[in-house]
All heavy atoms as atom14 arrays in JSON, in Angstrom:
{
  "sequence": "LFDEYAFGWFRQSPGKEREGVACIVRSGASNYRASLKGRFTIS",
  "atom14_mask": [
    [1, 1, 1, 1, 1, 1, 1, 1, 0, 0, 0, 0, 0, 0],
    [1, 1, 1, 1, 1, 1, 1, 1, 1, 1, 1, 0, 0, 0],
    [1, 1, 1, 1, 1, 1, 1, 1, 0, 0, 0, 0, 0, 0],
    [1, 1, 1, 1, 1, 1, 1, 1, 1, 0, 0, 0, 0, 0],
    [1, 1, 1, 1, 1, 1, 1, 1, 1, 1, 1, 1, 0, 0],
    [1, 1, 1, 1, 1, 0, 0, 0, 0, 0, 0, 0, 0, 0],
    [1, 1, 1, 1, 1, 1, 1, 1, 1, 1, 1, 0, 0, 0],
    [1, 1, 1, 1, 0, 0, 0, 0, 0, 0, 0, 0, 0, 0],
    [1, 1, 1, 1, 1, 1, 1, 1, 1, 1, 1, 1, 1, 1],
    [1, 1, 1, 1, 1, 1, 1, 1, 1, 1, 1, 0, 0, 0],
    [1, 1, 1, 1, 1, 1, 1, 1, 1, 1, 1, 0, 0, 0],
    [1, 1, 1, 1, 1, 1, 1, 1, 1, 0, 0, 0, 0, 0],
    [1, 1, 1, 1, 1, 1, 0, 0, 0, 0, 0, 0, 0, 0],
    [1, 1, 1, 1, 1, 1, 1, 0, 0, 0, 0, 0, 0, 0],
    [1, 1, 1, 1, 0, 0, 0, 0, 0, 0, 0, 0, 0, 0],
    [1, 1, 1, 1, 1, 1, 1, 1, 1, 0, 0, 0, 0, 0],
    [1, 1, 1, 1, 1, 1, 1, 1, 1, 0, 0, 0, 0, 0],
    [1, 1, 1, 1, 1, 1, 1, 1, 1, 1, 1, 0, 0, 0],
    [1, 1, 1, 1, 1, 1, 1, 1, 1, 0, 0, 0, 0, 0],
    [1, 1, 1, 1, 0, 0, 0, 0, 0, 0, 0, 0, 0, 0],
    [1, 1, 1, 1, 1, 1, 1, 0, 0, 0, 0, 0, 0, 0],
    [1, 1, 1, 1, 1, 0, 0, 0, 0, 0, 0, 0, 0, 0],
    [1, 1, 1, 1, 1, 1, 0, 0, 0, 0, 0, 0, 0, 0],
    [1, 1, 1, 1, 1, 1, 1, 1, 0, 0, 0, 0, 0, 0],
    [1, 1, 1, 1, 1, 1, 1, 0, 0, 0, 0, 0, 0, 0],
    [1, 1, 1, 1, 1, 1, 1, 1, 1, 1, 1, 0, 0, 0],
    [1, 1, 1, 1, 1, 1, 0, 0, 0, 0, 0, 0, 0, 0],
    [1, 1, 1, 1, 0, 0, 0, 0, 0, 0, 0, 0, 0, 0],
    [1, 1, 1, 1, 1, 0, 0, 0, 0, 0, 0, 0, 0, 0],
    [1, 1, 1, 1, 1, 1, 0, 0, 0, 0, 0, 0, 0, 0],
    [1, 1, 1, 1, 1, 1, 1, 1, 0, 0, 0, 0, 0, 0],
    [1, 1, 1, 1, 1, 1, 1, 1, 1, 1, 1, 1, 0, 0],
    [1, 1, 1, 1, 1, 1, 1, 1, 1, 1, 1, 0, 0, 0],
    [1, 1, 1, 1, 1, 0, 0, 0, 0, 0, 0, 0, 0, 0],
    [1, 1, 1, 1, 1, 1, 0, 0, 0, 0, 0, 0, 0, 0],
    [1, 1, 1, 1, 1, 1, 1, 1, 0, 0, 0, 0, 0, 0],
    [1, 1, 1, 1, 1, 1, 1, 1, 1, 0, 0, 0, 0, 0],
    [1, 1, 1, 1, 0, 0, 0, 0, 0, 0, 0, 0, 0, 0],
    [1, 1, 1, 1, 1, 1, 1, 1, 1, 1, 1, 0, 0, 0],
    [1, 1, 1, 1, 1, 1, 1, 1, 1, 1, 1, 0, 0, 0],
    [1, 1, 1, 1, 1, 1, 1, 0, 0, 0, 0, 0, 0, 0],
    [1, 1, 1, 1, 1, 1, 1, 1, 0, 0, 0, 0, 0, 0],
    [1, 1, 1, 1, 1, 1, 0, 0, 0, 0, 0, 0, 0, 0]
  ],
  "atom14_positions": [
    [[14.31, 10.44, -6.59], [15.15, 10.03, -5.47], [14.37, 9.01, -4.66], [13.63, 9.36, -3.73], [15.53, 11.24, -4.63], [16.4, 12.29, -5.33], [16.62, 13.5, -4.44], [17.74, 11.69, -5.75], [0.0, 0.0, 0.0], [0.0, 0.0, 0.0], [0.0, 0.0, 0.0], [0.0, 0.0, 0.0], [0.0, 0.0, 0.0], [0.0, 0.0, 0.0]],
    [[14.54, 7.76, -5.01], [13.73, 6.68, -4.47], [13.71, 6.67, -2.94], [12.66, 6.48, -2.33], [14.25, 5.34, -5.0], [13.38, 4.17, -4.66], [12.34, 3.8, -5.49], [13.61, 3.44, -3.5], [11.53, 2.72, -5.18], [12.81, 2.35, -3.18], [11.77, 1.99, -4.02], [0.0, 0.0, 0.0], [0.0, 0.0, 0.0], [0.0, 0.0, 0.0]],
    [[14.86, 6.87, -2.33], [14.97, 6.77, -0.87], [14.17, 7.83, -0.13], [13.89, 7.67, 1.07], [16.43, 6.87, -0.44], [17.28, 5.7, -0.9], [16.76, 4.84, -1.63], [18.47, 5.66, -0.53], [0.0, 0.0, 0.0], [0.0, 0.0, 0.0], [0.0, 0.0, 0.0], [0.0, 0.0, 0.0], [0.0, 0.0, 0.0], [0.0, 0.0, 0.0]],
    [[13.81, 8.92, -0.81], [13.09, 10.01, -0.16], [11.58, 9.89, -0.3], [10.84, 10.73, 0.22], [13.57, 11.35, -0.72], [15.03, 11.65, -0.42], [15.47, 13.02, -0.88], [14.63, 13.77, -1.44], [16.64, 13.37, -0.68], [0.0, 0.0, 0.0], [0.0, 0.0, 0.0], [0.0, 0.0, 0.0], [0.0, 0.0, 0.0], [0.0, 0.0, 0.0]],
    [[11.11, 8.86, -0.98], [9.69, 8.72, -1.24], [9.05, 7.59, -0.44], [9.67, 6.55, -0.18], [9.44, 8.46, -2.72], [9.48, 9.7, -3.57], [10.68, 10.28, -3.93], [8.29, 10.3, -4.0], [10.72, 11.43, -4.7], [8.32, 11.44, -4.78], [9.53, 12.0, -5.13], [9.56, 13.14, -5.9], [0.0, 0.0, 0.0], [0.0, 0.0, 0.0]],
    [[7.82, 7.82, -0.03], [6.96, 6.76, 0.43], [6.24, 6.18, -0.78], [6.02, 6.87, -1.77], [5.94, 7.28, 1.45], [0.0, 0.0, 0.0], [0.0, 0.0, 0.0], [0.0, 0.0, 0.0], [0.0, 0.0, 0.0], [0.0, 0.0, 0.0], [0.0, 0.0, 0.0], [0.0, 0.0, 0.0], [0.0, 0.0, 0.0], [0.0, 0.0, 0.0]],
    [[5.89, 4.91, -0.7], [5.21, 4.26, -1.81], [3.96, 3.54, -1.34], [3.89, 3.07, -0.21], [6.14, 3.26, -2.51], [7.16, 3.89, -3.39], [8.36, 4.33, -2.88], [6.93, 4.03, -4.75], [9.32, 4.92, -3.69], [7.87, 4.62, -5.57], [9.06, 5.07, -5.05], [0.0, 0.0, 0.0], [0.0, 0.0, 0.0], [0.0, 0.0, 0.0]],
    [[3.01, 3.45, -2.24], [1.79, 2.75, -1.93], [1.33, 1.87, -3.08], [1.67, 2.11, -4.24], [0.0, 0.0, 0.0], [0.0, 0.0, 0.0], [0.0, 0.0, 0.0], [0.0, 0.0, 0.0], [0.0, 0.0, 0.0], [0.0, 0.0, 0.0], [0.0, 0.0, 0.0], [0.0, 0.0, 0.0], [0.0, 0.0, 0.0], [0.0, 0.0, 0.0]],
    [[0.59, 0.84, -2.74], [-0.11, 0.01, -3.72], [-1.6, 0.29, -3.61], [-2.16, 0.33, -2.5], [0.14, -1.48, -3.48], [1.49, -1.96, -3.91], [2.57, -2.19, -3.12], [1.89, -2.3, -5.24], [3.62, -2.65, -3.87], [3.24, -2.72, -5.17], [1.25, -2.3, -6.48], [3.95, -3.13, -6.31], [1.95, -2.69, -7.61], [3.29, -3.1, -7.51]],
    [[-2.23, 0.48, -4.74], [-3.66, 0.71, -4.82], [-4.25, -0.27, -5.82], [-3.54, -0.84, -6.64], [-3.95, 2.15, -5.26], [-3.51, 3.19, -4.26], [-2.17, 3.56, -4.17], [-4.42, 3.78, -3.41], [-1.75, 4.51, -3.26], [-4.02, 4.74, -2.49], [-2.69, 5.1, -2.42], [0.0, 0.0, 0.0], [0.0, 0.0, 0.0], [0.0, 0.0, 0.0]],
    [[-5.55, -0.46, -5.74], [-6.2, -1.33, -6.7], [-7.56, -0.78, -7.07], [-8.19, -0.05, -6.32], [-6.34, -2.76, -6.15], [-7.29, -2.9, -4.97], [-7.26, -4.34, -4.44], [-8.23, -4.56, -3.39], [-8.38, -5.69, -2.74], [-7.6, -6.74, -3.04], [-9.31, -5.81, -1.79], [0.0, 0.0, 0.0], [0.0, 0.0, 0.0], [0.0, 0.0, 0.0]],
    [[-8.02, -1.17, -8.25], [-9.3, -0.69, -8.74], [-9.99, -1.77, -9.56], [-9.4, -2.32, -10.49], [-9.12, 0.57, -9.59], [-10.42, 1.22, -10.0], [-10.22, 2.59, -10.61], [-9.14, 2.9, -11.12], [-11.24, 3.42, -10.54], [0.0, 0.0, 0.0], [0.0, 0.0, 0.0], [0.0, 0.0, 0.0], [0.0, 0.0, 0.0], [0.0, 0.0, 0.0]],
    [[-11.22, -2.06, -9.19], [-12.06, -3.0, -9.91], [-13.06, -2.23, -10.74], [-13.38, -1.07, -10.43], [-12.79, -3.92, -8.94], [-11.88, -4.66, -8.14], [0.0, 0.0, 0.0], [0.0, 0.0, 0.0], [0.0, 0.0, 0.0], [0.0, 0.0, 0.0], [0.0, 0.0, 0.0], [0.0, 0.0, 0.0], [0.0, 0.0, 0.0], [0.0, 0.0, 0.0]],
    [[-13.59, -2.84, -11.8], [-14.57, -2.14, -12.64], [-15.76, -1.63, -11.83], [-16.33, -2.36, -11.02], [-15.0, -3.22, -13.62], [-13.83, -4.13, -13.72], [-13.25, -4.17, -12.33], [0.0, 0.0, 0.0], [0.0, 0.0, 0.0], [0.0, 0.0, 0.0], [0.0, 0.0, 0.0], [0.0, 0.0, 0.0], [0.0, 0.0, 0.0], [0.0, 0.0, 0.0]],
    [[-16.09, -0.36, -12.03], [-17.22, 0.23, -11.34], [-16.96, 0.67, -9.92], [-17.88, 1.13, -9.24], [0.0, 0.0, 0.0], [0.0, 0.0, 0.0], [0.0, 0.0, 0.0], [0.0, 0.0, 0.0], [0.0, 0.0, 0.0], [0.0, 0.0, 0.0], [0.0, 0.0, 0.0], [0.0, 0.0, 0.0], [0.0, 0.0, 0.0], [0.0, 0.0, 0.0]],
    [[-15.73, 0.53, -9.46], [-15.39, 0.91, -8.1], [-14.28, 1.95, -8.08], [-13.53, 2.11, -9.04], [-14.95, -0.31, -7.28], [-16.01, -1.39, -7.15], [-15.5, -2.57, -6.35], [-15.16, -2.2, -4.93], [-14.71, -3.38, -4.14], [0.0, 0.0, 0.0], [0.0, 0.0, 0.0], [0.0, 0.0, 0.0], [0.0, 0.0, 0.0], [0.0, 0.0, 0.0]],
    [[-14.18, 2.66, -6.98], [-13.12, 3.65, -6.81], [-11.8, 2.97, -6.49], [-11.76, 1.86, -5.93], [-13.48, 4.62, -5.69], [-14.63, 5.54, -6.01], [-14.31, 6.49, -7.14], [-13.23, 7.11, -7.12], [-15.13, 6.61, -8.07], [0.0, 0.0, 0.0], [0.0, 0.0, 0.0], [0.0, 0.0, 0.0], [0.0, 0.0, 0.0], [0.0, 0.0, 0.0]],
    [[-10.73, 3.63, -6.85], [-9.4, 3.13, -6.53], [-9.2, 3.18, -5.01], [-9.45, 4.21, -4.38], [-8.34, 3.96, -7.24], [-6.95, 3.35, -7.21], [-5.99, 4.11, -8.12], [-6.43, 4.08, -9.51], [-5.75, 4.61, -10.52], [-4.59, 5.21, -10.3], [-6.23, 4.54, -11.75], [0.0, 0.0, 0.0], [0.0, 0.0, 0.0], [0.0, 0.0, 0.0]],
    [[-8.73, 2.09, -4.43], [-8.58, 2.01, -2.99], [-7.16, 1.61, -2.61], [-6.49, 0.88, -3.32], [-9.57, 1.01, -2.39], [-9.35, -0.42, -2.82], [-10.33, -1.38, -2.19], [-11.41, -0.94, -1.74], [-10.04, -2.6, -2.14], [0.0, 0.0, 0.0], [0.0, 0.0, 0.0], [0.0, 0.0, 0.0], [0.0, 0.0, 0.0], [0.0, 0.0, 0.0]],
    [[-6.74, 2.1, -1.47], [-5.41, 1.79, -0.98], [-5.32, 0.36, -0.48], [-6.23, -0.14, 0.18], [0.0, 0.0, 0.0], [0.0, 0.0, 0.0], [0.0, 0.0, 0.0], [0.0, 0.0, 0.0], [0.0, 0.0, 0.0], [0.0, 0.0, 0.0], [0.0, 0.0, 0.0], [0.0, 0.0, 0.0], [0.0, 0.0, 0.0], [0.0, 0.0, 0.0]],
    [[-4.21, -0.27, -0.77], [-3.94, -1.64, -0.34], [-2.91, -1.65, 0.79], [-3.14, -2.22, 1.86], [-3.44, -2.5, -1.51], [-3.0, -3.88, -1.03], [-4.52, -2.62, -2.58], [0.0, 0.0, 0.0], [0.0, 0.0, 0.0], [0.0, 0.0, 0.0], [0.0, 0.0, 0.0], [0.0, 0.0, 0.0], [0.0, 0.0, 0.0], [0.0, 0.0, 0.0]],
    [[-1.79, -1.01, 0.55], [-0.71, -0.95, 1.52], [0.22, 0.18, 1.14], [0.26, 0.62, -0.01], [0.06, -2.27, 1.56], [0.0, 0.0, 0.0], [0.0, 0.0, 0.0], [0.0, 0.0, 0.0], [0.0, 0.0, 0.0], [0.0, 0.0, 0.0], [0.0, 0.0, 0.0], [0.0, 0.0, 0.0], [0.0, 0.0, 0.0], [0.0, 0.0, 0.0]],
    [[0.97, 0.66, 2.11], [1.97, 1.68, 1.83], [3.18, 1.47, 2.72], [3.09, 0.81, 3.76], [1.4, 3.09, 1.98], [0.92, 3.55, 3.67], [0.0, 0.0, 0.0], [0.0, 0.0, 0.0], [0.0, 0.0, 0.0], [0.0, 0.0, 0.0], [0.0, 0.0, 0.0], [0.0, 0.0, 0.0], [0.0, 0.0, 0.0], [0.0, 0.0, 0.0]],
    [[4.29, 2.06, 2.32], [5.53, 1.89, 3.05], [6.35, 3.17, 2.96], [6.41, 3.83, 1.92], [6.32, 0.68, 2.49], [7.55, 0.38, 3.34], [6.7, 0.92, 1.03], [8.18, -0.97, 3.0], [0.0, 0.0, 0.0], [0.0, 0.0, 0.0], [0.0, 0.0, 0.0], [0.0, 0.0, 0.0], [0.0, 0.0, 0.0], [0.0, 0.0, 0.0]],
    [[6.96, 3.54, 4.08], [7.77, 4.75, 4.13], [9.24, 4.41, 3.97], [9.61, 3.24, 3.86], [7.53, 5.54, 5.43], [6.07, 5.96, 5.55], [7.94, 4.69, 6.65], [0.0, 0.0, 0.0], [0.0, 0.0, 0.0], [0.0, 0.0, 0.0], [0.0, 0.0, 0.0], [0.0, 0.0, 0.0], [0.0, 0.0, 0.0], [0.0, 0.0, 0.0]],
    [[10.06, 5.43, 3.96], [11.48, 5.25, 3.68], [12.18, 4.33, 4.68], [13.14, 3.64, 4.32], [12.18, 6.6, 3.63], [12.04, 7.42, 4.9], [12.41, 8.88, 4.68], [13.78, 9.04, 4.19], [14.35, 10.21, 3.94], [13.66, 11.33, 4.12], [15.6, 10.25, 3.49], [0.0, 0.0, 0.0], [0.0, 0.0, 0.0], [0.0, 0.0, 0.0]],
    [[11.72, 4.31, 5.91], [12.33, 3.48, 6.94], [11.93, 2.02, 6.84], [12.55, 1.16, 7.47], [11.96, 4.0, 8.33], [10.58, 3.81, 8.59], [0.0, 0.0, 0.0], [0.0, 0.0, 0.0], [0.0, 0.0, 0.0], [0.0, 0.0, 0.0], [0.0, 0.0, 0.0], [0.0, 0.0, 0.0], [0.0, 0.0, 0.0], [0.0, 0.0, 0.0]],
    [[10.88, 1.74, 6.08], [10.37, 0.39, 5.97], [9.1, 0.15, 6.75], [8.48, -0.91, 6.61], [0.0, 0.0, 0.0], [0.0, 0.0, 0.0], [0.0, 0.0, 0.0], [0.0, 0.0, 0.0], [0.0, 0.0, 0.0], [0.0, 0.0, 0.0], [0.0, 0.0, 0.0], [0.0, 0.0, 0.0], [0.0, 0.0, 0.0], [0.0, 0.0, 0.0]],
    [[8.7, 1.1, 7.59], [7.43, 0.97, 8.29], [6.28, 0.99, 7.29], [6.34, 1.7, 6.28], [7.27, 2.1, 9.3], [0.0, 0.0, 0.0], [0.0, 0.0, 0.0], [0.0, 0.0, 0.0], [0.0, 0.0, 0.0], [0.0, 0.0, 0.0], [0.0, 0.0, 0.0], [0.0, 0.0, 0.0], [0.0, 0.0, 0.0], [0.0, 0.0, 0.0]],
    [[5.25, 0.22, 7.57], [4.17, 0.06, 6.6], [2.79, 0.14, 7.24], [2.63, -0.04, 8.44], [4.32, -1.27, 5.87], [4.32, -2.36, 6.79], [0.0, 0.0, 0.0], [0.0, 0.0, 0.0], [0.0, 0.0, 0.0], [0.0, 0.0, 0.0], [0.0, 0.0, 0.0], [0.0, 0.0, 0.0], [0.0, 0.0, 0.0], [0.0, 0.0, 0.0]],
    [[1.81, 0.4, 6.41], [0.41, 0.39, 6.79], [-0.37, -0.43, 5.77], [-0.02, -0.46, 4.59], [-0.15, 1.81, 6.85], [0.44, 2.61, 7.98], [0.37, 2.22, 9.13], [1.02, 3.76, 7.65], [0.0, 0.0, 0.0], [0.0, 0.0, 0.0], [0.0, 0.0, 0.0], [0.0, 0.0, 0.0], [0.0, 0.0, 0.0], [0.0, 0.0, 0.0]],
    [[-1.44, -1.07, 6.23], [-2.25, -1.92, 5.37], [-3.73, -1.63, 5.53], [-4.18, -1.2, 6.6], [-2.04, -3.4, 5.71], [-0.65, -3.91, 5.45], [0.36, -3.78, 6.4], [-0.33, -4.53, 4.24], [1.63, -4.25, 6.16], [0.94, -5.01, 3.99], [1.92, -4.87, 4.96], [3.18, -5.34, 4.71], [0.0, 0.0, 0.0], [0.0, 0.0, 0.0]],
    [[-4.47, -1.88, 4.48], [-5.9, -1.93, 4.61], [-6.2, -3.08, 5.56], [-5.69, -4.19, 5.38], [-6.56, -2.15, 3.25], [-8.07, -2.32, 3.29], [-8.66, -2.3, 1.88], [-8.57, -0.98, 1.28], [-9.46, -0.02, 1.45], [-10.54, -0.22, 2.19], [-9.3, 1.16, 0.87], [0.0, 0.0, 0.0], [0.0, 0.0, 0.0], [0.0, 0.0, 0.0]],
    [[-7.02, -2.81, 6.56], [-7.22, -3.76, 7.64], [-7.64, -5.14, 7.16], [-7.18, -6.16, 7.68], [-8.25, -3.21, 8.62], [0.0, 0.0, 0.0], [0.0, 0.0, 0.0], [0.0, 0.0, 0.0], [0.0, 0.0, 0.0], [0.0, 0.0, 0.0], [0.0, 0.0, 0.0], [0.0, 0.0, 0.0], [0.0, 0.0, 0.0], [0.0, 0.0, 0.0]],
    [[-8.5, -5.18, 6.16], [-9.03, -6.45, 5.69], [-7.99, -7.3, 4.95], [-8.2, -8.5, 4.77], [-10.23, -6.21, 4.78], [-9.87, -5.44, 3.65], [0.0, 0.0, 0.0], [0.0, 0.0, 0.0], [0.0, 0.0, 0.0], [0.0, 0.0, 0.0], [0.0, 0.0, 0.0], [0.0, 0.0, 0.0], [0.0, 0.0, 0.0], [0.0, 0.0, 0.0]],
    [[-6.89, -6.69, 4.57], [-5.87, -7.39, 3.8], [-4.64, -7.78, 4.62], [-3.82, -8.58, 4.17], [-5.42, -6.54, 2.61], [-6.52, -6.15, 1.61], [-5.94, -5.28, 0.52], [-7.15, -7.4, 1.02], [0.0, 0.0, 0.0], [0.0, 0.0, 0.0], [0.0, 0.0, 0.0], [0.0, 0.0, 0.0], [0.0, 0.0, 0.0], [0.0, 0.0, 0.0]],
    [[-4.52, -7.18, 5.78], [-3.36, -7.45, 6.61], [-3.3, -8.93, 6.97], [-4.28, -9.52, 7.39], [-3.39, -6.6, 7.87], [-2.09, -6.61, 8.64], [-2.12, -5.61, 9.78], [-0.78, -5.54, 10.5], [-0.79, -4.54, 11.59], [0.0, 0.0, 0.0], [0.0, 0.0, 0.0], [0.0, 0.0, 0.0], [0.0, 0.0, 0.0], [0.0, 0.0, 0.0]],
    [[-2.13, -9.52, 6.78], [-1.95, -10.93, 7.04], [-1.82, -11.74, 5.77], [-1.18, -12.8, 5.76], [0.0, 0.0, 0.0], [0.0, 0.0, 0.0], [0.0, 0.0, 0.0], [0.0, 0.0, 0.0], [0.0, 0.0, 0.0], [0.0, 0.0, 0.0], [0.0, 0.0, 0.0], [0.0, 0.0, 0.0], [0.0, 0.0, 0.0], [0.0, 0.0, 0.0]],
    [[-2.42, -11.27, 4.69], [-2.31, -11.92, 3.39], [-1.35, -11.2, 2.46], [-0.68, -11.83, 1.65], [-3.68, -12.03, 2.71], [-4.65, -12.96, 3.4], [-5.82, -13.3, 2.47], [-6.61, -12.13, 2.11], [-6.8, -11.7, 0.87], [-6.26, -12.35, -0.15], [-7.54, -10.63, 0.64], [0.0, 0.0, 0.0], [0.0, 0.0, 0.0], [0.0, 0.0, 0.0]],
    [[-1.31, -9.88, 2.58], [-0.47, -9.07, 1.7], [0.7, -8.48, 2.49], [0.54, -8.09, 3.64], [-1.28, -7.92, 1.09], [-2.28, -8.33, 0.05], [-2.69, -9.64, -0.09], [-2.83, -7.37, -0.79], [-3.62, -10.0, -1.06], [-3.76, -7.72, -1.75], [-4.16, -9.03, -1.89], [0.0, 0.0, 0.0], [0.0, 0.0, 0.0], [0.0, 0.0, 0.0]],
    [[1.85, -8.41, 1.85], [3.03, -7.82, 2.46], [3.71, -6.87, 1.49], [4.05, -7.27, 0.37], [4.04, -8.9, 2.9], [3.41, -9.82, 3.79], [5.23, -8.25, 3.6], [0.0, 0.0, 0.0], [0.0, 0.0, 0.0], [0.0, 0.0, 0.0], [0.0, 0.0, 0.0], [0.0, 0.0, 0.0], [0.0, 0.0, 0.0], [0.0, 0.0, 0.0]],
    [[3.9, -5.64, 1.92], [4.59, -4.66, 1.1], [6.05, -4.55, 1.55], [6.36, -4.68, 2.74], [3.89, -3.28, 1.18], [4.46, -2.32, 0.14], [4.0, -2.69, 2.58], [3.66, -1.02, 0.01], [0.0, 0.0, 0.0], [0.0, 0.0, 0.0], [0.0, 0.0, 0.0], [0.0, 0.0, 0.0], [0.0, 0.0, 0.0], [0.0, 0.0, 0.0]],
    [[6.94, -4.34, 0.6], [8.35, -4.19, 0.91], [9.01, -3.33, -0.14], [8.43, -3.06, -1.2], [9.05, -5.55, 1.02], [9.0, -6.24, -0.21], [0.0, 0.0, 0.0], [0.0, 0.0, 0.0], [0.0, 0.0, 0.0], [0.0, 0.0, 0.0], [0.0, 0.0, 0.0], [0.0, 0.0, 0.0], [0.0, 0.0, 0.0], [0.0, 0.0, 0.0]]
  ]
}
């Protein structure tokens, strides 16, 4: 049920842990990794 889920984007480079990039809730409100805000947009 897509509308009931929050979604996130994560990324992982070789030798590093998977880290959060951005996420978005059902209403459209979003959060970003501070260093990426302004360059990346989740929708």
